[in-house]
C-alpha atoms as a PDB file:
ATOM      1  CA  MET A   1     -42.275 -18.343  11.274  1.00  0.00           C
ATOM      2  CA  LEU A   2     -41.758 -15.091   9.390  1.00  0.00           C
ATOM      3  CA  LEU A   3     -38.869 -14.106  11.656  1.00  0.00           C
ATOM      4  CA  THR A   4     -37.145 -17.451  11.066  1.00  0.00           C
ATOM      5  CA  ALA A   5     -37.490 -17.095   7.291  1.00  0.00           C
ATOM      6  CA  ALA A   6     -36.041 -13.572   7.434  1.00  0.00           C
ATOM      7  CA  GLN A   7     -33.097 -14.785   9.522  1.00  0.00           C
ATOM      8  CA  VAL A   8     -32.395 -17.650   7.105  1.00  0.00           C
ATOM      9  CA  ALA A   9     -32.574 -15.284   4.128  1.00  0.00           C
ATOM     10  CA  LEU A  10     -30.210 -12.838   5.827  1.00  0.00           C
ATOM     11  CA  ALA A  11     -27.790 -15.634   6.725  1.00  0.00           C
ATOM     12  CA  ILE A  12     -27.750 -16.892   3.130  1.00  0.00           C
ATOM     13  CA  THR A  13     -27.183 -13.344   1.848  1.00  0.00           C
ATOM     14  CA  LEU A  14     -24.292 -12.782   4.262  1.00  0.00           C
ATOM     15  CA  LEU A  15     -22.668 -16.122   3.439  1.00  0.00           C
ATOM     16  CA  THR A  16     -22.966 -15.436  -0.294  1.00  0.00           C
ATOM     17  CA  GLY A  17     -21.413 -11.979   0.151  1.00  0.00           C
ATOM     18  CA  ALA A  18     -18.575 -13.410   2.232  1.00  0.00           C
ATOM     19  CA  GLY A  19     -17.900 -16.049  -0.405  1.00  0.00           C
ATOM     20  CA  LEU A  20     -17.796 -13.457  -3.193  1.00  0.00           C
ATOM     21  CA  LEU A  21     -15.483 -11.244  -1.126  1.00  0.00           C
ATOM     22  CA  LEU A  22     -13.132 -14.165  -0.491  1.00  0.00           C
ATOM     23  CA  ARG A  23     -13.096 -15.085  -4.187  1.00  0.00           C
ATOM     24  CA  SER A  24     -12.305 -11.473  -5.153  1.00  0.00           C
ATOM     25  CA  PHE A  25      -9.529 -11.282  -2.557  1.00  0.00           C
ATOM     26  CA  ARG A  26      -7.913 -14.438  -3.912  1.00  0.00           C
ATOM     27  CA  LYS A  27      -7.990 -12.984  -7.444  1.00  0.00           C
ATOM     28  CA  VAL A  28      -6.408  -9.729  -6.286  1.00  0.00           C
ATOM     29  CA  VAL A  29      -3.630 -11.554  -4.454  1.00  0.00           C
ATOM     30  CA  ALA A  30      -2.902 -13.659  -7.555  1.00  0.00           C
ATOM     31  CA  VAL A  31      -2.400 -10.632  -9.866  1.00  0.00           C
ATOM     32  CA  ASP A  32       1.136 -10.270 -11.236  1.00  0.00           C
ATOM     33  CA  LEU A  33       2.554  -6.966  -9.955  1.00  0.00           C
ATOM     34  CA  GLY A  34       5.020  -6.604 -12.799  1.00  0.00           C
ATOM     35  CA  TYR A  35       8.116  -6.736 -10.626  1.00  0.00           C
ATOM     36  CA  GLU A  36       9.876  -9.201  -8.391  1.00  0.00           C
ATOM     37  CA  LYS A  37       8.562  -8.642  -4.877  1.00  0.00           C
ATOM     38  CA  GLY A  38      11.636 -10.120  -3.217  1.00  0.00           C
ATOM     39  CA  ALA A  39      13.997  -7.598  -4.781  1.00  0.00           C
ATOM     40  CA  VAL A  40      12.329  -4.429  -3.520  1.00  0.00           C
ATOM     41  CA  LEU A  41      14.020  -2.237  -0.940  1.00  0.00           C
ATOM     42  CA  THR A  42      11.880   0.258   0.920  1.00  0.00           C
ATOM     43  CA  PHE A  43      12.810   2.630   3.679  1.00  0.00           C
ATOM     44  CA  GLU A  44      11.507   5.720   5.379  1.00  0.00           C
ATOM     45  CA  MET A  45      13.535   8.850   5.893  1.00  0.00           C
ATOM     46  CA  ASP A  46      12.345  11.321   8.514  1.00  0.00           C
ATOM     47  CA  ILE A  47      13.150  14.931   7.735  1.00  0.00           C
ATOM     48  CA  PRO A  48      13.045  17.098  10.856  1.00  0.00           C
ATOM     49  CA  GLY A  49      11.331  20.474  10.482  1.00  0.00           C
ATOM     50  CA  ILE A  50      14.117  22.235  12.382  1.00  0.00           C
ATOM     51  CA  LYS A  51      16.485  21.689   9.453  1.00  0.00           C
ATOM     52  CA  TYR A  52      14.665  24.179   7.235  1.00  0.00           C
ATOM     53  CA  ARG A  53      14.582  27.929   7.741  1.00  0.00           C
ATOM     54  CA  ASP A  54      10.824  28.242   7.399  1.00  0.00           C
ATOM     55  CA  GLY A  55      10.234  25.232   9.689  1.00  0.00           C
ATOM     56  CA  SER A  56       8.368  23.278   7.036  1.00  0.00           C
ATOM     57  CA  SER A  57       8.829  19.590   6.547  1.00  0.00           C
ATOM     58  CA  ASP A  58       6.293  19.121   3.762  1.00  0.00           C
ATOM     59  CA  GLY A  59       8.791  17.639   1.319  1.00  0.00           C
ATOM     60  CA  ARG A  60       9.682  20.710  -0.704  1.00  0.00           C
ATOM     61  CA  ASN A  61      13.338  19.909  -0.099  1.00  0.00           C
ATOM     62  CA  ALA A  62      13.019  16.189  -0.879  1.00  0.00           C
ATOM     63  CA  PRO A  63      14.661  16.451  -4.338  1.00  0.00           C
ATOM     64  CA  ASP A  64      17.867  17.487  -2.560  1.00  0.00           C
ATOM     65  CA  ASN A  65      17.918  14.101  -0.839  1.00  0.00           C
ATOM     66  CA  THR A  66      17.246  11.914  -3.878  1.00  0.00           C
ATOM     67  CA  GLY A  67      20.936  11.920  -4.781  1.00  0.00           C
ATOM     68  CA  LEU A  68      21.431   9.448  -1.954  1.00  0.00           C
ATOM     69  CA  LEU A  69      19.290   6.928  -3.812  1.00  0.00           C
ATOM     70  CA  TYR A  70      21.644   6.908  -6.793  1.00  0.00           C
ATOM     71  CA  ARG A  71      24.536   5.840  -4.570  1.00  0.00           C
ATOM     72  CA  ILE A  72      22.887   2.487  -3.830  1.00  0.00           C
ATOM     73  CA  GLU A  73      24.651  -0.139  -5.942  1.00  0.00           C
ATOM     74  CA  ASN A  74      22.956  -2.836  -8.044  1.00  0.00           C
ATOM     75  CA  THR A  75      19.658  -1.000  -8.413  1.00  0.00           C
ATOM     76  CA  THR A  76      17.744  -0.547 -11.645  1.00  0.00           C
ATOM     77  CA  ASP A  77      15.065   1.954 -10.600  1.00  0.00           C
ATOM     78  CA  ARG A  78      14.626   4.494  -7.863  1.00  0.00           C
ATOM     79  CA  GLY A  79      11.689   6.543  -6.730  1.00  0.00           C
ATOM     80  CA  THR A  80      10.486   8.815  -3.989  1.00  0.00           C
ATOM     81  CA  HIS A  81       7.147   9.625  -2.485  1.00  0.00           C
ATOM     82  CA  VAL A  82       6.463  12.747  -0.486  1.00  0.00           C
END
């Protein structure tokens, strides 16, 4: 009897937690991001380590490549992430 009560209590706790998690997820998905998601262009640019004298590819030379972003027409903002 005690084992059954513990299992029921655990089941209720897990179902309540799952319901709260689902409600939170729905709220997060509904948050306005502040920009139009359909008009975002993302891409990845691989920088080979052989290109640099010291063999590093940790992004120290990334500012040299950002000029390419300003050649893309009809864009309002540009950004990089290293």
